[in-house]
Amino acid sequence: MKTIVLTGGGTAGHIMPNIALIPELKKHFDRIVYIGSKNGMEKDIIKKFSDIEFIEIETVKLIRKFTFKNLLIPIKLFKSINSCKKILKQIKPDIIFSKGGYVAVPVCSAGKSLGIKIISHESDFSFGLANKLILKKCNLMLTSFRETCKNNKCIYTGSPIREEIFKGDKKNCEVNFKKKQPTILIFGGSLGAKKINEVVFKSIDKLKDFNIIHIVGKNNTKFIDKPNYFQKEFVDNIWDYFALSDLVVSRAGANSIFEILALKKPMLLIPLSKAQSRGDQIENANAFKRYGFASVLYEEELSPVSLKKSIDYLYRNKERYIKKMQEASSVPSNKLVIQKILELTK
């Protein structure tokens, strides 16, 4: 029985590219097992696939500030690796495909010690801590950005994209705007974005010439009754809302921006600040700005005035951004990633 183990989790960016590969992986593997954390969102997402086995493991996450909890990481990681070894010995996979994130480190470490072939994928412009560690363990490291390839293990493939993204139908959206005018889709990633939400709430009147679809994230709803404004906590069919939108305002998580790029939607990126992250979204956003794919508004500069100004600029120049995205070389990312997986399992 040909078996593949998928791993990666914590946020949607570490999960959705795995999901994007599942339809094609099913054609080549008899068994697909997903190893993830107990508390990450990967568990709930994978539950939707009745033919994918999900196995929980204890995970170890670095807290990016001084805390005595970090001193326990080596002990917890050692235990997690041993647990993963037992799991992998039972599964006997032909290959492990990792999307990074802290949950993937013990899985890949255990896999390396057992001689299992490993491919990992880095979505961001620069390596996250998990993939820096996994790079030493894996056979191949695939990347979404060409510039990220600075090692002989690295291969540029682009980012895997979900099939559903290309099947959006605006008729499936719940909105019922009374006025026909350009539509902006605003969302802050899988967990929402408090600062973006607060500024958008204050900007609705300023953006009266646009219809606004605002996905605020879990527990972030606020009652606002405006004819040009529609709010949802979360949507499962984001592709339908992409189909309805003329512009997209988003964080700069790699998974989201590559999906927006694939749809050729003019985008305003508001990356997570360095105060809240390692700066990966800023690097992603700056790269897309250099390529001419996106306009960027840094969170430190975000206000109702700057948001209105940035959206107006994006709309005036939308054709230029669309042209740049159309000119970009289209890498068949899913097929390339699958090809590398199959080559390594031969």
Protein backbone atom coordinates (compact mmCIF):
# COMPACT_ATOMS: atom_id res chain seq x y z
CA MET A 1 0.00 0.00 0.00
CA LYS A 2 1.55 3.27 -1.13
CA THR A 3 1.29 5.80 1.71
CA ILE A 4 2.09 9.49 2.12
CA VAL A 5 2.16 11.44 5.38
CA LEU A 6 1.19 15.12 5.26
CA THR A 7 2.12 17.45 8.08
CA GLY A 8 2.02 21.16 8.88
CA GLY A 9 -0.31 23.31 10.90
CA GLY A 10 -1.03 26.16 13.26
CA THR A 11 -2.50 28.55 10.69
CA ALA A 12 -4.30 28.09 7.38
CA GLY A 13 -1.10 29.01 5.52
CA HIS A 14 0.47 25.75 6.70
CA ILE A 15 -2.62 23.69 5.92
CA MET A 16 -4.32 24.90 2.73
CA PRO A 17 -1.43 24.07 0.37
CA ASN A 18 -1.62 20.49 1.70
CA ILE A 19 -5.37 20.52 1.03
CA ALA A 20 -4.69 21.80 -2.49
CA LEU A 21 -2.60 18.70 -3.25
CA ILE A 22 -5.00 16.07 -1.88
CA PRO A 23 -7.14 15.56 -5.03
CA GLU A 24 -4.06 14.74 -7.11
CA LEU A 25 -2.34 12.76 -4.34
CA LYS A 26 -5.36 10.44 -4.18
CA LYS A 27 -4.56 9.33 -7.73
CA HIS A 28 -1.11 8.13 -6.73
CA PHE A 29 -1.34 7.02 -3.09
CA ASP A 30 -3.58 4.38 -1.54
CA ARG A 31 -3.41 5.96 1.90
CA ILE A 32 -3.04 9.58 3.02
CA VAL A 33 -2.35 10.31 6.70
CA TYR A 34 -2.23 13.81 8.18
CA ILE A 35 -0.17 14.27 11.34
CA GLY A 36 -1.11 17.47 13.15
CA SER A 37 -1.45 19.14 16.51
CA LYS A 38 -4.27 18.66 19.00
CA ASN A 39 -5.19 22.33 19.17
CA GLY A 40 -4.39 23.62 15.68
CA MET A 41 -7.05 24.35 13.07
CA GLU A 42 -5.72 21.49 10.89
CA LYS A 43 -7.75 19.01 12.93
CA ASP A 44 -11.08 20.66 12.10
CA ILE A 45 -10.16 21.14 8.45
CA ILE A 46 -9.04 17.55 7.88
CA LYS A 47 -12.22 16.22 9.53
CA LYS A 48 -14.04 17.25 6.36
CA PHE A 49 -12.14 14.59 4.41
CA SER A 50 -13.57 11.23 5.44
CA ASP A 51 -10.86 9.29 3.59
CA ILE A 52 -7.90 11.14 5.19
CA GLU A 53 -6.66 9.78 8.52
CA PHE A 54 -5.76 12.39 11.13
CA ILE A 55 -3.30 11.59 13.93
CA GLU A 56 -2.75 14.01 16.82
CA ILE A 57 0.66 14.65 18.36
CA GLU A 58 1.93 16.84 21.17
CA THR A 59 3.62 19.87 19.68
CA VAL A 60 6.24 22.34 20.83
CA LYS A 61 6.02 26.00 19.87
CA LEU A 62 8.69 28.64 20.42
CA ILE A 63 7.30 31.73 22.15
CA ARG A 64 8.99 34.73 20.51
CA LYS A 65 9.76 36.57 23.74
CA PHE A 66 11.58 35.63 26.92
CA THR A 67 9.69 33.10 28.99
CA PHE A 68 10.82 30.18 31.14
CA LYS A 69 8.45 27.98 29.13
CA ASN A 70 10.98 28.03 26.27
CA LEU A 71 13.48 26.25 28.53
CA LEU A 72 11.26 23.16 28.38
CA ILE A 73 11.33 23.00 24.58
CA PRO A 74 14.23 20.48 24.24
CA ILE A 75 12.54 18.02 26.64
CA LYS A 76 9.10 18.36 24.99
CA LEU A 77 10.59 18.11 21.52
CA PHE A 78 12.49 14.94 22.41
CA LYS A 79 9.26 13.34 23.68
CA SER A 80 7.36 14.46 20.59
CA ILE A 81 10.01 13.05 18.24
CA ASN A 82 9.90 9.67 20.01
CA SER A 83 6.12 9.66 19.76
CA CYS A 84 6.33 10.43 16.03
CA LYS A 85 8.82 7.60 15.53
CA LYS A 86 6.31 5.11 16.94
CA ILE A 87 3.55 6.51 14.73
CA LEU A 88 5.70 6.44 11.58
CA LYS A 89 6.87 2.89 12.26
CA GLN A 90 3.23 1.81 12.30
CA ILE A 91 2.25 3.79 9.20
CA LYS A 92 5.40 2.94 7.16
CA PRO A 93 4.97 5.85 4.74
CA ASP A 94 6.78 6.03 1.42
CA ILE A 95 7.29 9.76 1.89
CA ILE A 96 6.53 12.70 4.20
CA PHE A 97 5.36 16.01 2.73
CA SER A 98 5.68 18.92 5.14
CA LYS A 99 4.27 22.43 4.91
CA GLY A 100 6.31 23.68 7.84
CA GLY A 101 5.10 25.14 11.09
CA TYR A 102 6.06 23.90 14.53
CA VAL A 103 3.99 20.70 14.24
CA ALA A 104 6.16 19.54 11.31
CA VAL A 105 9.50 19.65 13.15
CA PRO A 106 9.10 16.47 15.28
CA VAL A 107 7.48 14.61 12.35
CA CYS A 108 10.36 15.40 9.98
CA SER A 109 13.00 14.77 12.67
CA ALA A 110 11.50 11.35 13.37
CA GLY A 111 11.20 10.63 9.65
CA LYS A 112 14.86 11.47 9.06
CA SER A 113 15.99 9.12 11.83
CA LEU A 114 13.91 6.32 10.28
CA GLY A 115 15.27 6.90 6.78
CA ILE A 116 11.94 8.08 5.34
CA LYS A 117 12.15 10.45 2.37
CA ILE A 118 11.01 13.99 3.16
CA ILE A 119 9.94 16.94 1.04
CA SER A 120 9.10 20.25 2.67
CA HIS A 121 7.64 23.42 1.17
CA GLU A 122 8.32 27.02 2.20
CA SER A 123 5.54 29.44 1.29
CA ASP A 124 7.13 32.66 2.53
CA PHE A 125 9.85 34.79 0.96
CA SER A 126 12.30 33.71 3.68
CA PHE A 127 12.52 30.51 5.70
CA GLY A 128 10.56 30.27 8.91
CA LEU A 129 12.26 28.75 11.94
CA ALA A 130 10.58 25.36 11.43
CA ASN A 131 11.75 25.03 7.83
CA LYS A 132 15.25 26.19 8.77
CA LEU A 133 15.39 23.15 11.05
CA ILE A 134 13.63 20.87 8.55
CA LEU A 135 16.05 21.90 5.77
CA LYS A 136 18.71 19.80 7.50
CA LYS A 137 16.38 16.78 7.60
CA CYS A 138 14.64 16.83 4.22
CA ASN A 139 15.64 15.53 0.80
CA LEU A 140 14.10 18.51 -1.02
CA MET A 141 12.84 21.95 -0.03
CA LEU A 142 10.33 23.47 -2.46
CA THR A 143 9.68 27.23 -2.49
CA SER A 144 6.91 29.62 -3.55
CA PHE A 145 9.34 32.46 -4.32
CA ARG A 146 12.19 32.01 -6.79
CA GLU A 147 14.55 34.13 -4.67
CA THR A 148 14.15 31.81 -1.69
CA CYS A 149 16.18 29.09 -3.47
CA LYS A 150 19.67 29.58 -2.04
CA ASN A 151 20.53 25.97 -1.26
CA ASN A 152 21.21 22.93 -3.44
CA LYS A 153 18.24 21.17 -1.81
CA CYS A 154 15.86 23.92 -2.93
CA ILE A 155 13.63 23.88 -6.00
CA TYR A 156 11.32 26.71 -7.03
CA THR A 157 7.82 25.36 -7.69
CA GLY A 158 5.50 28.19 -6.74
CA SER A 159 2.66 27.78 -4.26
CA PRO A 160 0.03 25.00 -4.49
CA ILE A 161 -3.41 26.49 -5.15
CA ARG A 162 -6.77 24.93 -4.26
CA GLU A 163 -8.86 23.89 -7.29
CA GLU A 164 -11.93 25.58 -5.81
CA ILE A 165 -10.32 29.02 -6.09
CA PHE A 166 -10.90 28.94 -9.86
CA LYS A 167 -14.54 27.84 -9.55
CA GLY A 168 -15.97 30.87 -7.74
CA ASP A 169 -19.51 31.95 -8.56
CA LYS A 170 -20.69 35.34 -7.32
CA LYS A 171 -24.29 34.06 -7.32
CA ASN A 172 -23.40 32.01 -4.23
CA CYS A 173 -22.55 35.10 -2.15
CA GLU A 174 -25.08 36.21 0.46
CA VAL A 175 -24.67 39.90 -0.31
CA ASN A 176 -27.44 42.07 -1.70
CA PHE A 177 -25.98 45.50 -2.34
CA LYS A 178 -28.54 48.03 -3.56
CA LYS A 179 -26.11 50.12 -5.57
CA LYS A 180 -24.00 48.88 -8.49
CA GLN A 181 -20.44 50.04 -7.82
CA PRO A 182 -16.97 48.46 -7.49
CA THR A 183 -16.72 45.79 -4.78
CA ILE A 184 -13.84 45.43 -2.31
CA LEU A 185 -13.21 42.18 -0.44
CA ILE A 186 -11.41 42.82 2.87
CA PHE A 187 -10.09 40.02 5.05
CA GLY A 188 -7.27 39.50 7.53
CA GLY A 189 -6.41 35.83 7.09
CA SER A 190 -7.75 32.77 8.88
CA LEU A 191 -7.71 34.45 12.31
CA GLY A 192 -8.87 37.90 11.27
CA ALA A 193 -7.00 41.15 11.91
CA LYS A 194 -8.06 43.43 14.75
CA LYS A 195 -6.26 46.59 13.55
CA ILE A 196 -7.57 46.26 9.99
CA ASN A 197 -11.10 45.65 11.30
CA GLU A 198 -11.04 48.73 13.53
CA VAL A 199 -9.89 50.98 10.70
CA VAL A 200 -12.42 49.54 8.24
CA PHE A 201 -15.26 50.09 10.74
CA LYS A 202 -14.31 53.79 10.79
CA SER A 203 -13.85 54.03 7.02
CA ILE A 204 -17.18 52.83 5.63
CA ASP A 205 -18.55 56.34 4.99
CA LYS A 206 -15.27 57.38 3.38
CA LEU A 207 -15.57 54.38 1.06
CA LYS A 208 -19.15 55.14 0.04
CA ASP A 209 -18.25 54.74 -3.66
CA PHE A 210 -17.41 51.07 -3.08
CA ASN A 211 -19.40 48.07 -1.91
CA ILE A 212 -17.50 46.43 0.95
CA ILE A 213 -17.42 42.73 1.83
CA HIS A 214 -15.66 42.49 5.18
CA ILE A 215 -14.62 39.11 6.64
CA VAL A 216 -13.71 40.01 10.21
CA GLY A 217 -12.58 36.69 11.72
CA LYS A 218 -13.91 34.66 14.62
CA ASN A 219 -15.48 36.67 17.49
CA ASN A 220 -14.76 40.00 15.77
CA THR A 221 -18.24 40.92 14.52
CA LYS A 222 -19.70 44.38 15.06
CA PHE A 223 -23.19 45.49 14.07
CA ILE A 224 -22.99 48.07 11.29
CA ASP A 225 -26.00 48.99 9.17
CA LYS A 226 -24.76 50.62 5.97
CA PRO A 227 -26.11 49.98 2.45
CA ASN A 228 -22.61 49.48 1.00
CA TYR A 229 -21.32 47.21 3.78
CA PHE A 230 -21.63 43.44 4.33
CA GLN A 231 -19.93 41.62 7.20
CA LYS A 232 -19.20 37.94 7.86
CA GLU A 233 -17.22 36.30 10.63
CA PHE A 234 -15.89 33.58 8.33
CA VAL A 235 -16.76 32.03 4.96
CA ASP A 236 -16.05 28.53 3.69
CA ASN A 237 -16.53 29.61 0.08
CA ILE A 238 -13.99 32.44 -0.19
CA TRP A 239 -13.67 31.71 -3.93
CA ASP A 240 -17.24 32.94 -4.51
CA TYR A 241 -16.43 36.23 -2.80
CA PHE A 242 -13.22 36.53 -4.84
CA ALA A 243 -15.38 36.13 -7.96
CA LEU A 244 -17.62 39.01 -6.84
CA SER A 245 -14.79 41.39 -5.93
CA ASP A 246 -13.00 43.95 -8.08
CA LEU A 247 -10.28 44.67 -5.48
CA VAL A 248 -8.92 42.71 -2.53
CA VAL A 249 -7.50 44.10 0.72
CA SER A 250 -5.62 41.43 2.62
CA ARG A 251 -2.85 40.53 5.00
CA ALA A 252 0.25 39.24 3.21
CA GLY A 253 0.23 35.60 4.20
CA ALA A 254 1.81 33.67 1.33
CA ASN A 255 -1.11 31.32 0.79
CA SER A 256 -3.62 34.16 0.41
CA ILE A 257 -1.55 36.38 -1.85
CA PHE A 258 -0.69 33.56 -4.26
CA GLU A 259 -4.38 32.69 -4.52
CA ILE A 260 -5.20 36.35 -5.25
CA LEU A 261 -2.37 36.42 -7.81
CA ALA A 262 -3.73 33.29 -9.50
CA LEU A 263 -7.08 35.09 -9.91
CA LYS A 264 -5.42 38.29 -11.18
CA LYS A 265 -7.22 40.46 -8.62
CA PRO A 266 -5.66 43.89 -7.86
CA MET A 267 -4.62 43.72 -4.22
CA LEU A 268 -3.74 46.08 -1.38
CA LEU A 269 -1.60 44.22 1.14
CA ILE A 270 -1.43 45.24 4.81
CA PRO A 271 1.28 42.96 6.24
CA LEU A 272 1.44 41.92 9.85
CA SER A 273 3.94 44.19 11.62
CA LYS A 274 7.26 43.02 13.06
CA ALA A 275 5.86 43.66 16.51
CA GLN A 276 3.53 40.70 15.95
CA SER A 277 5.64 38.44 13.72
CA ARG A 278 9.11 37.67 12.42
CA GLY A 279 8.48 40.06 9.51
CA ASP A 280 7.64 37.36 6.94
CA GLN A 281 4.49 39.11 5.72
CA ILE A 282 6.41 42.35 5.20
CA GLU A 283 8.92 40.47 3.03
CA ASN A 284 6.11 38.79 1.08
CA ALA A 285 4.34 42.12 0.53
CA ASN A 286 7.51 43.92 -0.52
CA ALA A 287 8.30 41.17 -3.03
CA PHE A 288 4.82 41.44 -4.59
CA LYS A 289 5.22 45.23 -4.68
CA ARG A 290 8.55 44.86 -6.54
CA TYR A 291 6.95 42.47 -9.03
CA GLY A 292 4.18 45.00 -9.65
CA PHE A 293 1.49 42.62 -8.38
CA ALA A 294 0.33 44.60 -5.35
CA SER A 295 0.15 47.91 -3.56
CA VAL A 296 1.30 47.92 0.07
CA LEU A 297 0.11 49.82 3.15
CA TYR A 298 2.15 49.11 6.28
CA GLU A 299 0.22 48.61 9.49
CA GLU A 300 2.08 51.43 11.24
CA GLU A 301 0.69 53.82 8.61
CA LEU A 302 -2.84 52.38 8.59
CA SER A 303 -5.66 54.85 9.28
CA PRO A 304 -9.05 55.66 7.72
CA VAL A 305 -7.36 58.37 5.63
CA SER A 306 -4.47 56.21 4.41
CA LEU A 307 -6.79 53.26 3.72
CA LYS A 308 -9.09 55.42 1.56
CA LYS A 309 -6.12 56.93 -0.27
CA SER A 310 -4.55 53.50 -0.91
CA ILE A 311 -7.80 51.95 -2.16
CA ASP A 312 -8.44 54.91 -4.50
CA TYR A 313 -4.90 54.59 -5.89
CA LEU A 314 -5.30 50.83 -6.40
CA TYR A 315 -8.61 51.27 -8.20
CA ARG A 316 -7.27 54.00 -10.50
CA ASN A 317 -4.31 51.81 -11.43
CA LYS A 318 -6.06 48.42 -11.40
CA GLU A 319 -5.42 47.71 -15.09
CA ARG A 320 -1.68 48.17 -14.60
CA TYR A 321 -1.64 45.64 -11.75
CA ILE A 322 -3.75 43.17 -13.74
CA LYS A 323 -1.40 43.46 -16.71
CA LYS A 324 1.65 42.79 -14.52
CA MET A 325 0.01 39.69 -13.04
CA GLN A 326 -0.95 38.45 -16.49
CA GLU A 327 2.64 38.92 -17.71
CA ALA A 328 4.06 36.86 -14.84
CA SER A 329 5.25 33.40 -15.82
CA SER A 330 2.56 30.97 -14.75
CA VAL A 331 4.16 28.06 -12.94
CA PRO A 332 1.86 25.01 -12.68
CA SER A 333 2.64 24.75 -8.98
CA ASN A 334 0.44 21.80 -8.00
CA LYS A 335 1.73 19.65 -10.86
CA LEU A 336 5.35 20.53 -10.13
CA VAL A 337 5.00 19.69 -6.43
CA ILE A 338 3.28 16.37 -7.20
CA GLN A 339 5.98 15.60 -9.77
CA LYS A 340 8.74 16.07 -7.18
CA ILE A 341 6.87 13.88 -4.67
CA LEU A 342 6.45 11.08 -7.20
CA GLU A 343 10.07 11.32 -8.37
CA LEU A 344 11.31 10.88 -4.83
CA THR A 345 9.05 7.88 -4.16
CA LYS A 346 10.15 5.93 -7.24
